[in-house]
N, C-alpha and C. Protein backbone atom coordinates (compact mmCIF):
# COMPACT_ATOMS: atom_id res chain seq x y z
N MET A 1 123.89 123.17 74.20
CA MET A 1 123.28 123.46 75.33
C MET A 1 122.16 121.96 75.89
N THR A 2 122.43 121.33 76.49
CA THR A 2 121.90 119.96 76.60
C THR A 2 119.55 120.39 77.17
N ASN A 3 119.47 119.64 76.55
CA ASN A 3 118.07 120.05 77.35
C ASN A 3 118.11 120.10 79.29
N LEU A 4 118.92 119.21 79.77
CA LEU A 4 118.90 119.29 81.51
C LEU A 4 119.78 120.42 82.05
N ASP A 5 120.17 121.53 80.45
CA ASP A 5 120.90 122.45 81.19
C ASP A 5 119.95 123.51 80.41
N LEU A 6 119.28 123.63 80.17
CA LEU A 6 117.64 124.06 79.77
C LEU A 6 117.11 124.19 80.75
N LEU A 7 116.82 122.97 81.27
CA LEU A 7 115.46 123.55 82.49
C LEU A 7 116.59 123.73 83.80
N PHE A 8 117.71 123.35 84.00
CA PHE A 8 118.21 123.95 85.23
C PHE A 8 118.49 125.93 85.16
N ALA A 9 118.23 125.87 83.96
CA ALA A 9 119.41 127.26 83.71
C ALA A 9 117.40 128.17 83.38
N THR A 10 116.16 126.74 83.18
CA THR A 10 114.95 128.27 83.24
C THR A 10 114.71 128.45 84.67
N THR A 11 114.60 127.11 85.57
CA THR A 11 114.25 126.82 86.61
C THR A 11 114.85 127.56 87.76
N ARG A 12 116.31 128.37 87.09
CA ARG A 12 117.14 129.13 88.21
C ARG A 12 116.24 130.31 87.55
N ALA A 13 115.95 130.66 86.14
CA ALA A 13 115.79 132.60 86.03
C ALA A 13 114.65 132.50 86.54
N GLN A 14 113.90 131.85 86.88
CA GLN A 14 112.41 132.13 87.49
C GLN A 14 112.54 131.76 89.76
N GLY A 15 113.77 131.87 89.98
CA GLY A 15 114.25 131.78 91.12
C GLY A 15 113.68 130.58 92.06
N ARG A 16 113.40 129.48 91.30
CA ARG A 16 113.59 127.94 92.04
C ARG A 16 114.10 126.89 91.51
N ALA A 17 113.84 126.21 92.48
CA ALA A 17 114.75 124.58 92.27
C ALA A 17 113.61 124.30 91.75
N ALA A 18 114.43 123.32 90.50
CA ALA A 18 113.92 121.71 89.63
C ALA A 18 112.84 121.05 90.62
N LEU A 19 111.62 120.87 89.81
CA LEU A 19 111.35 119.26 91.12
C LEU A 19 110.97 118.39 90.28
N ILE A 20 112.11 117.03 91.09
CA ILE A 20 112.62 115.56 90.30
C ILE A 20 111.73 115.22 91.20
N GLY A 21 111.08 113.89 90.87
CA GLY A 21 110.41 113.39 91.26
C GLY A 21 110.48 111.78 90.70
N TYR A 22 110.73 110.51 91.38
CA TYR A 22 111.72 109.51 91.24
C TYR A 22 110.73 108.53 91.73
N LEU A 23 110.72 107.11 90.78
CA LEU A 23 109.74 106.44 90.80
C LEU A 23 111.20 104.99 90.48
N PRO A 24 110.56 103.75 90.85
CA PRO A 24 110.93 102.45 90.65
C PRO A 24 110.39 101.98 89.61
N ALA A 25 110.91 101.86 88.32
CA ALA A 25 109.85 101.02 86.91
C ALA A 25 109.40 100.05 88.15
N GLY A 26 108.45 99.92 87.11
CA GLY A 26 107.57 98.45 87.89
C GLY A 26 106.72 99.04 89.16
N TYR A 27 107.02 99.96 89.66
CA TYR A 27 105.96 100.28 90.75
C TYR A 27 104.80 100.84 90.73
N PRO A 28 103.98 100.50 91.22
CA PRO A 28 103.43 99.28 91.46
C PRO A 28 102.90 97.80 91.01
N THR A 29 103.45 98.48 89.50
CA THR A 29 103.49 96.80 88.72
C THR A 29 103.67 97.83 87.68
N VAL A 30 103.90 97.33 86.58
CA VAL A 30 103.77 98.07 85.15
C VAL A 30 102.62 99.67 85.16
N ASP A 31 101.49 98.33 84.80
CA ASP A 31 100.19 99.75 84.94
C ASP A 31 100.30 100.93 85.68
N GLY A 32 100.62 100.43 87.30
CA GLY A 32 100.59 101.56 87.76
C GLY A 32 101.94 102.52 87.78
N SER A 33 103.03 102.15 87.88
CA SER A 33 103.64 103.07 87.13
C SER A 33 103.56 103.55 86.11
N ILE A 34 103.28 103.63 85.53
CA ILE A 34 102.89 105.15 84.11
C ILE A 34 101.64 105.59 84.59
N GLU A 35 100.53 105.46 85.42
CA GLU A 35 100.03 106.20 85.63
C GLU A 35 100.38 107.00 87.13
N LEU A 36 101.67 106.16 87.77
CA LEU A 36 102.58 107.16 89.13
C LEU A 36 103.67 108.34 88.77
N LEU A 37 103.81 108.22 87.02
CA LEU A 37 104.93 108.76 86.38
C LEU A 37 104.28 109.92 85.31
N THR A 38 102.95 109.43 84.74
CA THR A 38 101.66 110.56 84.14
C THR A 38 101.23 111.14 84.95
N ALA A 39 101.26 110.94 86.60
CA ALA A 39 100.61 111.94 87.41
C ALA A 39 101.79 112.78 88.43
N MET A 40 102.93 112.55 88.53
CA MET A 40 103.70 113.27 88.53
C MET A 40 104.42 114.65 87.38
N ILE A 41 104.27 113.87 86.06
CA ILE A 41 104.37 114.93 85.32
C ILE A 41 103.55 115.85 85.48
N ASP A 42 102.17 115.53 85.28
CA ASP A 42 100.30 116.45 85.73
C ASP A 42 100.53 117.60 86.63
N GLY A 43 100.90 116.29 87.91
CA GLY A 43 101.26 117.52 89.22
C GLY A 43 102.84 118.33 89.20
N GLY A 44 103.67 119.33 88.07
CA GLY A 44 104.44 119.95 88.99
C GLY A 44 105.59 119.20 88.37
N CYS A 45 105.58 117.86 88.26
CA CYS A 45 107.43 117.62 87.87
C CYS A 45 108.18 118.43 86.47
N ASP A 46 109.08 117.98 87.11
CA ASP A 46 109.96 119.14 86.00
C ASP A 46 110.72 118.33 85.12
N LEU A 47 110.88 117.04 86.21
CA LEU A 47 112.21 115.50 85.32
C LEU A 47 111.55 114.65 86.20
N VAL A 48 111.72 113.63 85.36
CA VAL A 48 111.12 112.36 86.60
C VAL A 48 112.15 111.83 86.18
N GLU A 49 112.61 110.95 87.24
CA GLU A 49 113.70 109.70 87.12
C GLU A 49 113.12 108.41 87.26
N VAL A 50 113.46 107.32 86.55
CA VAL A 50 112.68 106.41 86.79
C VAL A 50 113.96 105.84 86.91
N GLY A 51 113.61 104.97 88.24
CA GLY A 51 115.11 104.13 88.51
C GLY A 51 114.37 102.33 88.20
N MET A 52 115.93 101.75 87.77
CA MET A 52 115.67 99.75 87.86
C MET A 52 115.97 99.56 89.21
N PRO A 53 114.87 99.45 89.68
CA PRO A 53 114.85 98.21 90.69
C PRO A 53 115.41 96.92 91.11
N PHE A 54 116.38 97.35 92.05
CA PHE A 54 117.75 95.71 92.19
C PHE A 54 117.34 95.62 93.69
N SER A 55 117.49 94.17 94.27
CA SER A 55 117.27 93.32 95.21
C SER A 55 117.79 93.80 96.57
N ASP A 56 118.28 95.05 96.76
CA ASP A 56 119.95 95.32 97.37
C ASP A 56 120.18 96.87 97.61
N PRO A 57 119.26 97.46 97.29
CA PRO A 57 119.33 98.85 97.62
C PRO A 57 119.41 99.39 98.76
N VAL A 58 120.51 99.42 99.48
CA VAL A 58 121.33 99.12 100.74
C VAL A 58 121.44 100.93 100.77
N LEU A 59 121.90 101.10 99.99
CA LEU A 59 122.12 103.13 99.64
C LEU A 59 121.25 103.73 100.03
N ASP A 60 119.71 103.21 99.42
CA ASP A 60 118.79 104.40 99.17
C ASP A 60 117.77 104.07 100.98
N GLY A 61 116.41 105.13 101.32
CA GLY A 61 116.33 105.13 102.27
C GLY A 61 115.01 103.78 102.33
N PRO A 62 114.78 103.57 103.43
CA PRO A 62 113.84 102.69 103.27
C PRO A 62 112.60 102.86 102.04
N VAL A 63 111.64 103.95 102.08
CA VAL A 63 110.49 104.23 101.16
C VAL A 63 111.19 103.38 100.13
N ILE A 64 112.46 104.14 99.71
CA ILE A 64 112.63 103.60 98.29
C ILE A 64 113.25 101.90 98.16
N GLN A 65 113.74 101.32 99.38
CA GLN A 65 114.25 100.19 99.30
C GLN A 65 112.89 99.71 99.20
N HIS A 66 111.32 99.50 99.93
CA HIS A 66 110.41 98.74 99.72
C HIS A 66 109.50 99.63 97.94
N ALA A 67 109.61 99.90 97.74
CA ALA A 67 109.66 100.47 96.13
C ALA A 67 109.77 99.57 95.54
N ALA A 68 111.25 99.59 95.48
CA ALA A 68 112.32 98.62 94.73
C ALA A 68 111.37 96.44 94.50
N GLN A 69 111.00 96.93 96.40
CA GLN A 69 111.17 95.76 96.46
C GLN A 69 109.94 95.42 96.10
N THR A 70 109.03 95.91 96.15
CA THR A 70 107.61 95.64 96.20
C THR A 70 107.77 95.92 94.45
N ALA A 71 108.05 96.72 93.29
CA ALA A 71 108.34 96.60 92.04
C ALA A 71 108.74 94.14 91.15
N LEU A 72 110.17 94.52 92.27
CA LEU A 72 110.81 93.28 91.99
C LEU A 72 109.56 92.31 91.85
N ALA A 73 108.60 92.29 93.25
CA ALA A 73 108.13 91.23 93.67
C ALA A 73 106.83 91.25 92.87
N GLU A 74 106.31 92.01 92.42
CA GLU A 74 105.01 92.22 90.89
C GLU A 74 105.28 91.71 90.32
N ASN A 75 106.80 92.23 89.42
CA ASN A 75 106.79 91.81 87.92
C ASN A 75 107.72 90.94 87.61
N TYR A 76 108.57 90.34 88.92
CA TYR A 76 109.81 88.99 88.73
C TYR A 76 109.32 87.86 89.55
N VAL A 77 108.71 86.77 88.17
CA VAL A 77 108.72 85.48 89.07
C VAL A 77 109.87 85.13 90.22
N GLY A 78 109.17 84.10 91.03
CA GLY A 78 110.43 83.60 92.24
C GLY A 78 111.51 84.48 93.09
N LEU A 79 111.39 85.79 93.14
CA LEU A 79 111.66 86.37 94.33
C LEU A 79 111.13 86.24 95.63
N PRO A 80 111.88 86.37 96.85
CA PRO A 80 111.50 86.03 97.84
C PRO A 80 110.67 87.02 98.16
N TYR A 81 110.34 88.25 98.11
CA TYR A 81 109.45 89.30 98.98
C TYR A 81 107.67 88.93 98.44
């Protein structure tokens, strides 16, 4: 049984869905993303997904698109954001 299997079995036994947080790496800055990830865990997230920001997140909604663009602009020189 993997850790994910165990997590989902535990939340299922508790009669609830797992709370999964998502954050693009480096949003809004590298230090800021560490604080936000810590806050998600402290706030009760069962699992946190850290995404790699990329310049063309067309399949993501506007909030994730903006976060990815901000992460790229704050952490990489020469991008037009």
